[in-house]
Amino acid sequence: KDGYIRHTSDYLAWPTFDHQHPEFVKDCRHVRFGLASDEFNQCRNMNPSHSTRPVVLMPYDLPSWMCMKQSYFMLSLLILSPYSPKNNIDIYLQLLIEELIELWDVGLQTYDASKNRIFNCMRH
């Protein structure tokens, strides 16, 4: 309300997604993820002969003070390369994106501990 973005739900994209996918919103067990990546040099000598790039999924359904804590990050891919992938990172991300699309389209058998039953976590 004050114009500051403190959580991803403060973006206009959040209510737009909710409007476009009302079935997703109805089930509180569905999870929204953010995907982040950054390259770093593990030897701190800026040697261009090696590149390390973690790709992390973050669950955005948590409160803002939790969703950006390292303990809730999921390391989904670690790109180790003799050179920086730069614009070719999509080649490395292809399998991860395919799995996320499968999760969205087909679903995944998931255990609900609060109800002691298995349910299909999916879009429909």
Protein backbone atom coordinates (compact mmCIF):
# COMPACT_ATOMS: atom_id res chain seq x y z
CA LYS A 1 0.00 0.00 0.00
CA ASP A 2 2.96 2.32 0.53
CA GLY A 3 4.48 1.58 -2.89
CA TYR A 4 7.32 -0.59 -1.63
CA ILE A 5 7.74 -4.19 -2.73
CA ARG A 6 8.52 -6.36 0.27
CA HIS A 7 7.29 -9.67 -1.10
CA THR A 8 6.58 -11.10 -4.54
CA SER A 9 2.86 -10.88 -3.79
CA ASP A 10 3.27 -7.08 -3.90
CA TYR A 11 3.92 -7.23 -7.67
CA LEU A 12 1.04 -6.76 -10.10
CA ALA A 13 1.88 -10.14 -11.66
CA TRP A 14 0.66 -11.99 -8.53
CA PRO A 15 -3.04 -10.99 -8.77
CA THR A 16 -2.88 -11.32 -12.56
CA PHE A 17 -1.74 -14.94 -12.19
CA ASP A 18 -4.46 -15.54 -9.58
CA HIS A 19 -7.08 -14.21 -12.01
CA GLN A 20 -5.80 -16.36 -14.90
CA HIS A 21 -5.50 -19.57 -12.82
CA PRO A 22 -8.34 -19.62 -10.24
CA GLU A 23 -8.10 -23.42 -9.76
CA PHE A 24 -4.47 -23.08 -8.71
CA VAL A 25 -5.38 -20.45 -6.14
CA LYS A 26 -8.21 -22.53 -4.62
CA ASP A 27 -5.89 -25.29 -3.41
CA CYS A 28 -3.68 -24.02 -0.59
CA ARG A 29 -1.23 -26.89 -1.15
CA HIS A 30 0.00 -25.50 -4.45
CA VAL A 31 3.35 -23.76 -4.30
CA ARG A 32 4.69 -20.75 -6.20
CA PHE A 33 8.39 -20.87 -6.98
CA GLY A 34 10.94 -18.29 -7.94
CA LEU A 35 14.01 -19.25 -9.92
CA ALA A 36 17.30 -17.42 -9.33
CA SER A 37 20.85 -17.82 -10.52
CA ASP A 38 24.09 -15.94 -10.12
CA GLU A 39 27.60 -16.69 -11.24
CA PHE A 40 30.56 -16.53 -8.89
CA ASN A 41 34.21 -17.40 -8.89
CA GLN A 42 34.91 -19.78 -6.04
CA CYS A 43 38.64 -19.05 -5.97
CA ARG A 44 38.13 -15.28 -5.66
CA ASN A 45 40.87 -14.57 -8.14
CA MET A 46 38.56 -13.70 -11.02
CA ASN A 47 40.12 -16.47 -13.06
CA PRO A 48 38.07 -16.78 -16.25
CA SER A 49 39.09 -20.43 -16.59
CA HIS A 50 36.30 -21.64 -14.30
CA SER A 51 32.69 -20.69 -13.66
CA THR A 52 30.30 -21.80 -10.91
CA ARG A 53 26.61 -20.93 -11.18
CA PRO A 54 24.03 -22.24 -8.69
CA VAL A 55 20.38 -22.27 -9.77
CA VAL A 56 18.02 -21.98 -6.82
CA LEU A 57 14.26 -22.44 -6.44
CA MET A 58 12.57 -20.43 -3.71
CA PRO A 59 9.02 -21.07 -2.46
CA TYR A 60 7.17 -17.74 -2.58
CA ASP A 61 4.16 -18.94 -0.62
CA LEU A 62 6.02 -18.40 2.62
CA PRO A 63 5.89 -15.10 4.51
CA SER A 64 8.39 -12.50 3.31
CA TRP A 65 10.63 -12.95 6.34
CA MET A 66 10.96 -16.69 5.52
CA CYS A 67 10.94 -17.06 1.73
CA MET A 68 14.33 -15.40 1.25
CA LYS A 69 16.10 -17.33 4.00
CA GLN A 70 18.79 -19.73 2.84
CA SER A 71 17.26 -22.62 4.79
CA TYR A 72 14.22 -22.54 2.47
CA PHE A 73 16.21 -22.37 -0.80
CA MET A 74 16.32 -25.50 -2.96
CA LEU A 75 19.50 -25.95 -4.95
CA SER A 76 18.11 -27.45 -8.13
CA LEU A 77 21.12 -27.18 -10.42
CA LEU A 78 24.81 -26.41 -10.09
CA ILE A 79 26.52 -25.42 -13.32
CA LEU A 80 30.25 -26.04 -13.22
CA SER A 81 31.98 -25.02 -16.40
CA PRO A 82 35.43 -24.01 -17.63
CA TYR A 83 33.80 -20.87 -18.99
CA SER A 84 30.77 -18.72 -18.24
CA PRO A 85 27.58 -19.98 -19.93
CA LYS A 86 26.36 -16.37 -20.37
CA ASN A 87 23.42 -16.43 -22.79
CA ASN A 88 23.64 -20.21 -23.21
CA ILE A 89 22.33 -20.85 -19.69
CA ASP A 90 19.05 -22.01 -21.24
CA ILE A 91 20.83 -25.18 -22.38
CA TYR A 92 21.65 -26.02 -18.76
CA LEU A 93 18.18 -25.04 -17.54
CA GLN A 94 16.34 -27.11 -20.15
CA LEU A 95 15.92 -30.24 -17.99
CA LEU A 96 14.85 -28.24 -14.93
CA ILE A 97 12.28 -26.31 -16.97
CA GLU A 98 10.98 -29.58 -18.47
CA GLU A 99 10.51 -30.99 -14.95
CA LEU A 100 8.68 -27.87 -13.80
CA ILE A 101 6.42 -28.03 -16.87
CA GLU A 102 5.69 -31.67 -16.10
CA LEU A 103 4.87 -30.72 -12.52
CA TRP A 104 2.51 -28.01 -13.83
CA ASP A 105 0.82 -30.14 -16.53
CA VAL A 106 0.85 -33.68 -15.12
CA GLY A 107 1.36 -33.20 -11.41
CA LEU A 108 3.17 -35.13 -8.73
CA GLN A 109 1.99 -37.56 -6.09
CA THR A 110 2.55 -35.69 -2.82
CA TYR A 111 1.96 -36.60 0.80
CA ASP A 112 -0.20 -34.25 2.86
CA ALA A 113 0.95 -34.77 6.47
CA SER A 114 -1.87 -32.67 7.93
CA LYS A 115 -4.53 -34.96 6.39
CA ASN A 116 -2.43 -38.14 6.36
CA ARG A 117 -3.12 -38.83 2.68
CA ILE A 118 -1.57 -38.63 -0.76
CA PHE A 119 -2.83 -36.10 -3.29
CA ASN A 120 -1.88 -35.13 -6.82
CA CYS A 121 -0.19 -31.74 -6.74
CA MET A 122 -1.07 -30.32 -10.13
CA ARG A 123 -2.69 -27.43 -11.93
CA HIS A 124 -6.15 -28.93 -12.62
